[in-house]
Protein backbone atom coordinates (compact mmCIF):
# COMPACT_ATOMS: atom_id res chain seq x y z
CA MET A 1 -14.67 -239.27 -162.61
CA ALA A 2 -13.28 -236.91 -160.16
CA SER A 3 -10.51 -236.28 -162.80
CA SER A 4 -13.11 -235.37 -165.27
CA MET A 5 -14.86 -233.13 -162.71
CA ALA A 6 -11.43 -231.47 -162.09
CA LYS A 7 -11.12 -230.84 -165.87
CA GLY A 8 -13.90 -228.79 -165.99
CA PRO A 9 -13.18 -225.86 -163.84
CA LEU A 10 -9.60 -225.91 -164.90
CA PHE A 11 -10.83 -225.57 -168.52
CA THR A 12 -13.08 -222.94 -167.64
CA ALA A 13 -10.55 -221.07 -165.70
CA ALA A 14 -8.12 -221.52 -168.62
CA ARG A 15 -10.79 -220.05 -171.16
CA SER A 16 -11.43 -216.99 -168.66
CA LYS A 17 -7.94 -216.15 -168.21
CA THR A 18 -7.45 -216.35 -172.04
CA THR A 19 -10.54 -214.04 -172.49
CA VAL A 20 -8.96 -211.66 -169.72
CA SER A 21 -5.40 -211.74 -171.20
CA GLN A 22 -6.92 -211.02 -174.81
CA LEU A 23 -9.03 -207.87 -173.38
CA TYR A 24 -5.90 -206.66 -171.43
CA SER A 25 -3.49 -207.02 -174.51
CA CYS A 26 -6.26 -205.45 -176.64
CA GLN A 27 -6.68 -202.62 -174.28
CA SER A 28 -2.97 -202.05 -174.03
CA ARG A 29 -2.39 -202.43 -177.80
CA PHE A 30 -5.12 -199.84 -178.29
CA PHE A 31 -3.25 -197.13 -176.67
CA SER A 32 0.16 -198.54 -178.30
CA GLN A 33 -1.35 -198.66 -181.97
CA SER A 34 -0.69 -202.28 -182.26
CA SER A 35 -1.59 -204.24 -185.47
CA GLN A 36 -3.47 -206.72 -183.62
CA CYS A 37 -6.00 -204.16 -182.52
CA SER A 38 -6.18 -202.83 -186.41
CA ALA A 39 -10.04 -202.83 -186.14
CA LEU A 40 -9.83 -199.92 -183.60
CA ARG A 41 -7.45 -197.73 -185.67
CA GLY A 42 -8.81 -194.37 -186.80
CA VAL A 43 -10.67 -193.89 -183.36
CA PRO A 44 -9.74 -190.89 -181.80
CA GLN A 45 -8.52 -191.25 -178.18
CA LYS A 46 -10.68 -188.31 -176.91
CA ILE A 47 -13.77 -186.96 -178.75
CA SER A 48 -14.23 -183.46 -178.38
CA MET A 49 -17.28 -181.71 -179.52
CA LYS A 50 -16.80 -178.93 -181.87
CA GLN A 51 -18.18 -175.52 -180.74
CA PRO A 52 -20.15 -173.61 -183.06
CA PRO A 53 -18.52 -170.29 -184.38
CA GLN A 54 -19.70 -167.18 -182.31
CA PRO A 55 -20.85 -164.25 -184.59
CA SER A 56 -18.73 -161.22 -184.06
CA MET A 57 -20.00 -157.83 -182.53
CA LYS A 58 -20.03 -156.53 -186.15
CA THR A 59 -22.11 -159.28 -187.27
CA ARG A 60 -24.67 -159.04 -184.27
CA GLY A 61 -24.80 -155.34 -184.91
CA GLN A 62 -25.66 -155.82 -188.60
CA LYS A 63 -28.46 -158.02 -187.55
CA LEU A 64 -30.08 -155.52 -185.38
CA SER A 65 -32.71 -153.28 -186.94
CA ARG A 66 -32.39 -149.13 -186.31
CA SER A 67 -35.57 -149.51 -184.03
CA ASP A 68 -33.63 -151.92 -181.70
CA LEU A 69 -30.48 -150.00 -181.35
CA PRO A 70 -29.51 -149.04 -177.76
CA GLN A 71 -30.21 -145.26 -177.08
CA ASP A 72 -29.61 -144.92 -173.26
CA VAL A 73 -25.76 -145.17 -172.64
CA GLY A 74 -25.56 -143.00 -169.87
CA LEU A 75 -23.51 -140.08 -169.33
CA LEU A 76 -19.98 -140.65 -170.64
CA PRO A 77 -17.66 -141.15 -167.50
CA GLY A 78 -15.42 -138.17 -167.02
CA THR A 79 -17.74 -135.55 -168.63
CA TYR A 80 -16.83 -132.21 -166.88
CA VAL A 81 -19.54 -129.61 -166.45
CA LYS A 82 -18.33 -126.38 -165.11
CA SER A 83 -20.57 -124.71 -162.53
CA LEU A 84 -21.95 -121.11 -162.55
CA TRP A 85 -19.50 -118.46 -161.02
CA ARG A 86 -21.41 -118.08 -158.02
CA ASP A 87 -21.64 -121.54 -157.41
CA MET A 88 -17.88 -122.08 -157.65
CA PRO A 89 -15.88 -122.20 -154.40
CA SER A 90 -14.52 -119.19 -153.31
CA ILE A 91 -10.88 -118.44 -154.67
CA PHE A 92 -10.10 -117.13 -150.95
CA GLN A 93 -11.93 -119.44 -148.65
CA GLN A 94 -11.21 -122.70 -150.64
CA PRO A 95 -8.21 -121.88 -153.12
CA LYS A 96 -7.23 -125.30 -153.69
CA PRO A 97 -10.80 -127.00 -154.63
CA ARG A 98 -11.20 -123.79 -157.07
CA LEU A 99 -7.90 -124.04 -158.88
CA ARG A 100 -8.21 -127.84 -159.40
CA LEU A 101 -11.89 -127.45 -160.98
CA GLU A 102 -10.40 -124.47 -163.10
CA TRP A 103 -7.72 -126.76 -164.32
CA LEU A 104 -9.92 -129.71 -164.88
CA TRP A 105 -12.19 -127.38 -166.96
CA LEU A 106 -8.96 -126.42 -169.29
CA LYS A 107 -7.96 -129.83 -169.34
CA SER A 108 -10.90 -131.59 -170.30
CA GLY A 109 -11.94 -128.96 -173.05
CA PHE A 110 -8.59 -129.39 -174.73
CA GLN A 111 -8.68 -133.35 -174.49
CA ASN A 112 -12.35 -133.40 -175.52
CA PHE A 113 -11.62 -131.14 -178.86
CA LEU A 114 -8.62 -133.48 -179.57
CA GLY A 115 -10.86 -136.50 -179.02
CA LEU A 116 -13.49 -135.13 -181.12
CA LEU A 117 -11.17 -134.02 -184.15
CA ALA A 118 -9.92 -137.81 -183.97
CA TYR A 119 -13.70 -139.20 -183.98
CA CYS A 120 -14.86 -137.03 -186.84
CA LYS A 121 -11.46 -136.57 -189.08
CA TRP A 122 -9.47 -139.75 -188.17
CA LEU A 123 -11.79 -142.59 -187.06
CA ASN A 124 -14.70 -141.66 -189.32
CA LYS A 125 -13.27 -140.00 -192.12
CA GLY A 126 -15.18 -137.02 -193.73
CA MET A 127 -17.85 -136.63 -190.65
CA PRO A 128 -18.62 -133.04 -190.24
CA LEU A 129 -17.80 -131.36 -186.77
CA HIS A 130 -21.03 -129.22 -186.80
CA LEU A 131 -19.52 -126.86 -184.33
CA LYS A 132 -21.77 -124.05 -185.36
CA LYS A 133 -24.84 -125.96 -185.41
CA ARG A 134 -24.53 -127.32 -182.17
CA ARG A 135 -26.23 -124.49 -180.25
CA ASP A 136 -29.30 -124.54 -182.98
CA ILE A 137 -29.88 -128.24 -182.70
CA ALA A 138 -29.94 -128.12 -178.77
CA ARG A 139 -32.28 -125.12 -179.03
CA GLU A 140 -34.72 -126.92 -181.44
CA LEU A 141 -34.92 -130.14 -179.46
CA HIS A 142 -35.32 -128.37 -176.19
CA GLN A 143 -38.12 -126.45 -177.36
CA ASN A 144 -39.92 -129.33 -179.24
CA MET A 145 -39.59 -131.46 -176.17
CA TYR A 146 -41.22 -129.42 -173.83
CA SER A 147 -43.98 -128.54 -176.25
CA ALA A 148 -44.55 -132.07 -176.91
CA PHE A 149 -44.91 -132.59 -173.14
CA ALA A 150 -47.49 -130.10 -172.62
CA ASP A 151 -49.53 -131.29 -175.42
CA GLY A 152 -49.40 -134.88 -174.37
CA ASN A 153 -47.74 -136.06 -177.72
CA VAL A 154 -46.19 -139.15 -176.52
CA ASP A 155 -45.15 -140.15 -180.19
CA ALA A 156 -43.10 -137.23 -180.74
CA LEU A 157 -41.26 -137.66 -177.46
CA ARG A 158 -40.01 -141.14 -178.59
CA THR A 159 -38.58 -139.46 -181.72
CA ILE A 160 -37.08 -136.46 -179.77
CA CYS A 161 -35.68 -137.95 -176.58
CA CYS A 162 -34.03 -141.20 -175.81
CA THR A 163 -35.89 -144.22 -174.51
CA GLY A 164 -35.37 -143.73 -170.71
CA LEU A 165 -36.51 -139.99 -170.71
CA ALA A 166 -39.28 -140.81 -173.09
CA ASN A 167 -40.87 -143.20 -171.04
CA SER A 168 -40.35 -140.96 -168.00
CA LEU A 169 -42.38 -138.06 -169.74
CA ALA A 170 -44.92 -140.57 -171.09
CA SER A 171 -45.91 -141.84 -167.57
CA ARG A 172 -46.40 -138.36 -166.48
CA ILE A 173 -48.78 -137.65 -169.30
CA PHE A 174 -50.66 -140.93 -168.71
CA ASN A 175 -50.91 -139.78 -164.95
CA ARG A 176 -52.55 -136.62 -165.83
CA PRO A 177 -56.23 -136.34 -165.24
CA LYS A 178 -58.00 -136.53 -168.58
CA GLU A 179 -59.70 -133.10 -168.40
CA THR A 180 -56.26 -131.32 -167.65
CA LYS A 181 -54.11 -129.93 -170.18
CA ALA A 182 -50.69 -128.48 -169.48
CA THR A 183 -49.11 -125.22 -171.33
CA TRP A 184 -45.83 -124.29 -171.70
CA SER A 185 -44.18 -121.34 -173.39
CA LEU A 186 -40.57 -120.09 -173.57
CA ASP A 187 -40.61 -116.25 -173.15
CA LYS A 188 -37.26 -115.41 -173.76
CA TYR A 189 -33.65 -116.64 -173.15
CA ASN A 190 -31.56 -114.95 -170.67
CA ARG A 191 -28.39 -113.88 -172.30
CA THR A 192 -26.15 -113.32 -169.41
CA PRO A 193 -22.29 -113.62 -169.40
CA ALA A 194 -22.51 -117.26 -168.41
CA THR A 195 -23.74 -118.19 -172.00
CA TYR A 196 -21.69 -115.59 -173.57
CA LEU A 197 -24.74 -113.35 -174.32
CA THR A 198 -26.45 -116.32 -176.16
CA GLY A 199 -28.84 -117.94 -173.79
CA ILE A 200 -27.33 -121.04 -174.98
CA ARG A 201 -23.38 -122.30 -174.22
CA VAL A 202 -21.70 -125.38 -175.13
CA MET A 203 -20.26 -127.00 -171.91
CA SER A 204 -18.98 -130.48 -173.30
CA ASP A 205 -18.42 -131.78 -176.57
CA ARG A 206 -17.15 -135.44 -176.52
CA ALA A 207 -17.16 -138.31 -178.61
CA THR A 208 -16.33 -142.10 -178.53
CA GLN A 209 -15.82 -145.06 -180.82
CA ILE A 210 -17.83 -148.18 -180.03
CA PRO A 211 -15.02 -151.05 -179.49
CA ASP A 212 -14.90 -153.99 -182.00
CA LEU A 213 -17.33 -151.92 -184.37
CA ALA A 214 -16.16 -150.33 -187.26
CA ASP A 215 -17.67 -146.65 -188.05
CA SER A 216 -19.63 -146.87 -184.99
CA GLY A 217 -19.69 -144.32 -181.90
CA VAL A 218 -21.44 -141.88 -179.70
CA ARG A 219 -21.29 -137.92 -179.39
CA GLN A 220 -22.74 -136.32 -176.51
CA ILE A 221 -22.96 -132.57 -176.13
CA VAL A 222 -23.78 -130.71 -172.69
CA VAL A 223 -25.17 -127.29 -173.15
CA ARG A 224 -26.11 -124.69 -170.74
CA ILE A 225 -29.57 -123.18 -171.34
CA THR A 226 -30.66 -120.18 -169.37
CA SER A 227 -34.36 -118.96 -170.19
CA ARG A 228 -37.57 -117.64 -168.77
CA GLN A 229 -40.22 -119.95 -169.16
CA SER A 230 -44.12 -120.10 -168.47
CA THR A 231 -46.01 -123.06 -167.36
CA GLY A 232 -49.70 -123.58 -166.38
CA GLN A 233 -52.46 -125.81 -166.29
CA SER A 234 -56.31 -125.63 -167.66
CA THR A 235 -58.91 -128.16 -166.37
CA GLY A 236 -62.49 -128.51 -167.66
CA GLN A 237 -65.05 -131.06 -168.63
CA SER A 238 -67.63 -131.42 -171.55
CA THR A 239 -71.22 -131.11 -171.01
CA GLY A 240 -74.30 -132.23 -173.62
CA GLN A 241 -76.96 -130.05 -174.55
CA SER A 242 -79.87 -131.25 -176.73
CA THR A 243 -80.92 -128.82 -179.76
CA GLY A 244 -82.86 -129.14 -182.98
CA GLN A 245 -85.94 -130.90 -184.32
CA SER A 246 -87.47 -132.05 -187.51
CA THR A 247 -90.79 -133.03 -188.80
CA GLY A 248 -92.37 -136.39 -188.27
CA GLN A 249 -89.29 -137.88 -185.77
CA SER A 250 -87.31 -135.76 -183.67
CA LYS A 251 -83.59 -135.50 -183.99
CA VAL A 252 -81.23 -134.67 -181.07
CA ALA A 253 -77.99 -133.01 -181.83
CA LYS A 254 -75.41 -132.78 -178.95
CA SER A 255 -72.93 -130.26 -179.02
CA ALA A 256 -70.22 -130.04 -176.37
CA VAL A 257 -69.57 -127.24 -174.10
CA ARG A 258 -66.48 -126.76 -172.58
CA VAL A 259 -66.67 -125.62 -168.93
CA GLY A 260 -63.62 -125.32 -166.73
CA SER A 261 -60.96 -123.35 -165.00
CA PHE A 262 -57.82 -121.83 -166.25
CA GLU A 263 -54.74 -121.57 -163.99
CA ARG A 264 -52.64 -118.45 -164.38
CA ALA A 265 -49.15 -119.31 -166.06
CA LYS A 266 -46.43 -119.27 -163.62
CA GLN A 267 -43.12 -117.25 -164.95
CA GLN A 268 -40.10 -118.54 -163.88
CA ASP A 269 -36.35 -118.27 -164.85
CA CYS A 270 -34.58 -121.29 -165.60
CA THR A 271 -30.84 -122.69 -165.99
CA GLU A 272 -30.85 -126.27 -167.58
CA TYR A 273 -27.90 -128.47 -168.45
CA VAL A 274 -29.38 -130.52 -171.31
CA VAL A 275 -27.57 -133.39 -172.94
CA ILE A 276 -28.03 -134.27 -176.56
CA GLN A 277 -26.40 -137.24 -178.21
CA GLN A 278 -26.04 -138.67 -181.46
CA PHE A 279 -25.46 -142.33 -182.36
CA ARG A 280 -23.42 -143.47 -185.37
CA TRP A 281 -24.05 -147.36 -186.37
CA LEU A 282 -22.13 -148.81 -188.95
CA GLY A 283 -21.53 -145.75 -190.92
CA GLN A 284 -24.91 -144.50 -190.54
CA ASP A 285 -25.70 -141.05 -188.12
CA GLU A 286 -28.65 -141.61 -186.24
CA ASP A 287 -31.09 -138.34 -185.61
CA TRP A 288 -29.95 -136.33 -182.52
CA ARG A 289 -31.96 -137.09 -179.32
CA ILE A 290 -32.08 -135.52 -175.83
CA TRP A 291 -30.34 -137.95 -173.40
CA GLY A 292 -31.65 -135.87 -170.25
CA LEU A 293 -30.44 -133.46 -167.92
CA THR A 294 -27.32 -133.31 -165.65
CA THR A 295 -25.70 -131.32 -162.99
CA PRO A 296 -22.49 -129.53 -162.92
CA THR A 297 -19.61 -130.99 -161.51
CA THR A 298 -18.95 -129.91 -157.89
CA VAL A 299 -16.09 -130.48 -155.18
CA GLU A 300 -17.65 -133.55 -154.19
CA ASP A 301 -17.20 -135.13 -157.47
CA LEU A 302 -13.36 -134.52 -157.54
CA SER A 303 -13.23 -138.07 -155.68
CA ASP A 304 -14.55 -139.88 -159.14
CA PRO A 305 -11.54 -142.05 -160.49
CA MET A 306 -12.10 -140.11 -163.67
CA PHE A 307 -10.81 -137.00 -161.98
CA LEU A 308 -8.23 -138.18 -159.70
CA PRO A 309 -4.59 -137.08 -160.35
CA GLY A 310 -1.72 -139.20 -160.93
CA MET A 311 -3.64 -142.12 -162.67
CA SER A 312 -3.37 -143.57 -166.01
CA LEU A 313 -6.24 -144.00 -168.50
CA ALA A 314 -6.06 -147.89 -167.76
CA GLU A 315 -6.20 -147.35 -164.10
CA ARG A 316 -9.28 -144.94 -164.48
CA ILE A 317 -11.18 -147.27 -166.38
CA MET A 318 -10.59 -150.19 -164.20
CA ALA A 319 -11.43 -148.22 -161.04
CA VAL A 320 -14.66 -147.20 -162.71
CA LYS A 321 -15.48 -150.94 -163.80
CA GLU A 322 -14.85 -152.02 -160.26
CA ARG A 323 -17.05 -149.11 -158.84
CA PHE A 324 -19.81 -149.91 -161.12
CA GLY A 325 -19.52 -153.98 -160.67
CA GLY A 326 -19.77 -153.46 -156.57
CA GLN A 327 -23.12 -151.97 -157.28
């Protein structure tokens, strides 16, 4: 009996050992692709989930509607806007900064013209330059913007201005008292030598292609407008008066009478640097819009990476990315 009791555990142990050895041999042969584990053949060692293909930027751009296209890209980096002669540093007191500003003016003008030619005639073949129409486009947009703002026409502003500027002007219109009406008029253009005796002078004309998107880009033009403008406000309220009667029943007709005060228009000379831009999206040109107003380049702006001397284009772009990334 003792011997029979002794055989039980030994048998069990033998079965356990056989089972463990089979499992071990099966595992080892699974990695060695043995014939004894043929049932596991064809099973991949590592199962990797296949990532769905990501749409390209061109595909994403084609799916966007024209109303969803971005408008506010900001002023293109490296845009040089020359100041008025009286605002430039003196050639006798600050000769080095003055000469550097003059050199940047000549250099940027030459580079911008070459870039514009490449954008219109090489990257987008057959695209017109519109060199003679630039001032007319800026004049019309400038007048329409201020007229729509004075009239409180928000819908017109959204077709004339970019999104950011249109929202800013619309909020100012909504904050006006309901009985207040603004007036604006352009009396004349100040035809000074600063605008070549025209009142409107092109200060910068730049264009750039949108990366990884064929037949797409943006063009920005900065114009200096010197003009004499008149602005004013009028306030008033409506009062009702009862007039008229008929036989049998009385009918009351109310006529509104406008009673208010008119503020005398203020006249002032203005010098504005207006930025207009046009998007080209997948071969289709958008309408010209006003991006906003900017200021001339000053001596303090010479520390900008886009204006620093002795740097390559790649180094300038990297410096701009680091500056914006740190904000």
